[in-house]
Amino acid sequence: MRPSTLRTLNRAAELTRQNRLTEAMLIAEPVILTADEYEGEEIRRWLLDHVADFTGENHQNVKELP
């Protein structure tokens, strides 16, 4: 994953924890939509692995998305 993509995802997670979901989506959506299939898969795995970054909670039993 490109460093700029990772920075964007981390920033979106930070904004989400601050209850600023609209801003988080505004910065994350373009990055996610322009990712190629390989980076898209990396983003998907990162999101699954970092649910707690977005919620501020500790989710140990997160089910994988289809």
N, C-alpha and C. Protein backbone atom coordinates (compact mmCIF):
# COMPACT_ATOMS: atom_id res chain seq x y z
N MET A 1 0.86 -1.17 0.00
CA MET A 1 0.00 0.00 0.00
C MET A 1 0.90 1.23 0.00
N ARG A 2 0.49 2.21 -0.75
CA ARG A 2 1.26 3.45 -0.82
C ARG A 2 1.24 4.16 0.54
N PRO A 3 2.35 4.81 0.89
CA PRO A 3 2.39 5.55 2.16
C PRO A 3 1.28 6.60 2.25
N SER A 4 0.95 7.24 1.15
CA SER A 4 -0.10 8.27 1.18
C SER A 4 -1.46 7.64 1.49
N THR A 5 -1.69 6.43 1.01
CA THR A 5 -2.94 5.73 1.30
C THR A 5 -3.01 5.40 2.79
N LEU A 6 -1.92 4.89 3.31
CA LEU A 6 -1.88 4.54 4.74
C LEU A 6 -2.09 5.77 5.61
N ARG A 7 -1.46 6.88 5.26
CA ARG A 7 -1.67 8.13 6.02
C ARG A 7 -3.13 8.55 5.99
N THR A 8 -3.75 8.42 4.83
CA THR A 8 -5.16 8.79 4.69
C THR A 8 -6.05 7.91 5.55
N LEU A 9 -5.80 6.61 5.54
CA LEU A 9 -6.60 5.69 6.35
C LEU A 9 -6.42 5.98 7.84
N ASN A 10 -5.20 6.24 8.25
CA ASN A 10 -4.96 6.57 9.66
C ASN A 10 -5.65 7.87 10.04
N ARG A 11 -5.63 8.85 9.15
CA ARG A 11 -6.30 10.13 9.44
C ARG A 11 -7.82 9.93 9.50
N ALA A 12 -8.35 9.10 8.60
CA ALA A 12 -9.78 8.82 8.62
C ALA A 12 -10.17 8.13 9.93
N ALA A 13 -9.32 7.23 10.40
CA ALA A 13 -9.59 6.56 11.67
C ALA A 13 -9.61 7.57 12.82
N GLU A 14 -8.65 8.48 12.80
CA GLU A 14 -8.59 9.51 13.84
C GLU A 14 -9.84 10.38 13.82
N LEU A 15 -10.26 10.81 12.65
CA LEU A 15 -11.46 11.63 12.54
C LEU A 15 -12.70 10.88 12.99
N THR A 16 -12.77 9.60 12.66
CA THR A 16 -13.92 8.79 13.07
C THR A 16 -14.00 8.70 14.59
N ARG A 17 -12.87 8.50 15.24
CA ARG A 17 -12.86 8.44 16.71
C ARG A 17 -13.31 9.76 17.33
N GLN A 18 -13.13 10.85 16.59
CA GLN A 18 -13.56 12.17 17.07
C GLN A 18 -15.00 12.49 16.65
N ASN A 19 -15.72 11.45 16.21
CA ASN A 19 -17.11 11.61 15.75
C ASN A 19 -17.23 12.57 14.57
N ARG A 20 -16.24 12.54 13.70
CA ARG A 20 -16.23 13.38 12.50
C ARG A 20 -16.27 12.47 11.27
N LEU A 21 -17.29 11.62 11.21
CA LEU A 21 -17.40 10.61 10.17
C LEU A 21 -17.49 11.20 8.77
N THR A 22 -18.22 12.28 8.62
CA THR A 22 -18.37 12.89 7.30
C THR A 22 -17.00 13.32 6.76
N GLU A 23 -16.20 13.97 7.59
CA GLU A 23 -14.86 14.37 7.16
C GLU A 23 -13.99 13.16 6.86
N ALA A 24 -14.11 12.13 7.68
CA ALA A 24 -13.33 10.91 7.46
C ALA A 24 -13.67 10.30 6.11
N MET A 25 -14.95 10.25 5.79
CA MET A 25 -15.36 9.68 4.50
C MET A 25 -14.90 10.56 3.34
N LEU A 26 -14.94 11.86 3.52
CA LEU A 26 -14.51 12.77 2.45
C LEU A 26 -13.05 12.57 2.08
N ILE A 27 -12.21 12.26 3.05
CA ILE A 27 -10.80 12.06 2.70
C ILE A 27 -10.50 10.62 2.30
N ALA A 28 -11.21 9.66 2.86
CA ALA A 28 -10.90 8.25 2.58
C ALA A 28 -11.53 7.74 1.29
N GLU A 29 -12.72 8.19 0.98
CA GLU A 29 -13.43 7.64 -0.19
C GLU A 29 -12.66 7.78 -1.49
N PRO A 30 -12.11 8.95 -1.83
CA PRO A 30 -11.38 9.05 -3.10
C PRO A 30 -10.18 8.10 -3.18
N VAL A 31 -9.50 7.92 -2.06
CA VAL A 31 -8.34 7.02 -2.03
C VAL A 31 -8.78 5.58 -2.26
N ILE A 32 -9.86 5.20 -1.62
CA ILE A 32 -10.36 3.83 -1.75
C ILE A 32 -10.88 3.59 -3.17
N LEU A 33 -11.60 4.55 -3.72
CA LEU A 33 -12.19 4.37 -5.05
C LEU A 33 -11.14 4.35 -6.16
N THR A 34 -10.01 5.00 -5.98
CA THR A 34 -8.99 5.03 -7.03
C THR A 34 -7.95 3.93 -6.89
N ALA A 35 -8.03 3.15 -5.84
CA ALA A 35 -7.06 2.06 -5.64
C ALA A 35 -7.25 0.99 -6.71
N ASP A 36 -6.14 0.44 -7.17
CA ASP A 36 -6.24 -0.69 -8.10
C ASP A 36 -6.61 -1.94 -7.31
N GLU A 37 -6.76 -3.07 -8.00
CA GLU A 37 -7.24 -4.27 -7.32
C GLU A 37 -6.29 -4.75 -6.23
N TYR A 38 -4.99 -4.56 -6.41
CA TYR A 38 -4.03 -5.02 -5.41
C TYR A 38 -4.04 -4.12 -4.17
N GLU A 39 -4.01 -2.82 -4.41
CA GLU A 39 -4.06 -1.91 -3.27
C GLU A 39 -5.42 -1.99 -2.60
N GLY A 40 -6.47 -2.19 -3.38
CA GLY A 40 -7.81 -2.35 -2.82
C GLY A 40 -7.87 -3.51 -1.84
N GLU A 41 -7.21 -4.62 -2.19
CA GLU A 41 -7.17 -5.77 -1.29
C GLU A 41 -6.36 -5.45 -0.03
N GLU A 42 -5.27 -4.71 -0.18
CA GLU A 42 -4.48 -4.29 0.98
C GLU A 42 -5.29 -3.38 1.89
N ILE A 43 -6.05 -2.48 1.29
CA ILE A 43 -6.90 -1.58 2.07
C ILE A 43 -7.95 -2.39 2.84
N ARG A 44 -8.56 -3.34 2.17
CA ARG A 44 -9.58 -4.19 2.80
C ARG A 44 -8.99 -4.93 4.00
N ARG A 45 -7.81 -5.52 3.82
CA ARG A 45 -7.16 -6.24 4.93
C ARG A 45 -6.81 -5.27 6.06
N TRP A 46 -6.31 -4.08 5.71
CA TRP A 46 -5.95 -3.10 6.72
C TRP A 46 -7.18 -2.69 7.52
N LEU A 47 -8.29 -2.44 6.82
CA LEU A 47 -9.52 -2.06 7.52
C LEU A 47 -9.99 -3.16 8.46
N LEU A 48 -9.94 -4.40 8.02
CA LEU A 48 -10.34 -5.52 8.88
C LEU A 48 -9.42 -5.65 10.10
N ASP A 49 -8.13 -5.41 9.87
CA ASP A 49 -7.16 -5.53 10.96
C ASP A 49 -7.18 -4.35 11.92
N HIS A 50 -7.78 -3.23 11.51
CA HIS A 50 -7.72 -2.01 12.31
C HIS A 50 -9.10 -1.47 12.68
N VAL A 51 -10.05 -2.35 12.87
CA VAL A 51 -11.39 -1.91 13.28
C VAL A 51 -11.31 -1.05 14.54
N ALA A 52 -10.50 -1.45 15.49
CA ALA A 52 -10.40 -0.70 16.75
C ALA A 52 -9.85 0.70 16.53
N ASP A 53 -9.07 0.92 15.47
CA ASP A 53 -8.57 2.27 15.19
C ASP A 53 -9.72 3.22 14.88
N PHE A 54 -10.77 2.69 14.29
CA PHE A 54 -11.92 3.52 13.93
C PHE A 54 -12.92 3.65 15.08
N THR A 55 -13.06 2.62 15.87
CA THR A 55 -14.08 2.64 16.92
C THR A 55 -13.54 3.06 18.27
N GLY A 56 -12.22 2.94 18.44
CA GLY A 56 -11.64 3.22 19.74
C GLY A 56 -11.88 2.10 20.73
N GLU A 57 -12.42 0.98 20.24
CA GLU A 57 -12.70 -0.17 21.08
C GLU A 57 -11.76 -1.30 20.73
N ASN A 58 -11.70 -2.29 21.58
CA ASN A 58 -10.85 -3.46 21.34
C ASN A 58 -11.72 -4.60 20.85
N HIS A 59 -11.72 -4.83 19.53
CA HIS A 59 -12.50 -5.91 18.93
C HIS A 59 -11.58 -7.08 18.64
N GLN A 60 -11.65 -8.13 19.45
CA GLN A 60 -10.79 -9.28 19.24
C GLN A 60 -11.44 -10.33 18.37
N ASN A 61 -12.76 -10.34 18.28
CA ASN A 61 -13.44 -11.38 17.53
C ASN A 61 -14.21 -10.78 16.35
N VAL A 62 -13.53 -9.98 15.54
CA VAL A 62 -14.16 -9.37 14.39
C VAL A 62 -14.26 -10.42 13.29
N LYS A 63 -15.48 -10.60 12.76
CA LYS A 63 -15.67 -11.53 11.66
C LYS A 63 -15.24 -10.88 10.36
N GLU A 64 -14.62 -11.67 9.48
CA GLU A 64 -14.21 -11.15 8.19
C GLU A 64 -15.40 -10.87 7.33
N LEU A 65 -15.30 -9.80 6.56
CA LEU A 65 -16.35 -9.45 5.61
C LEU A 65 -16.26 -10.38 4.42
N PRO A 66 -17.38 -10.65 3.77
CA PRO A 66 -17.35 -11.53 2.59
C PRO A 66 -16.58 -10.90 1.45
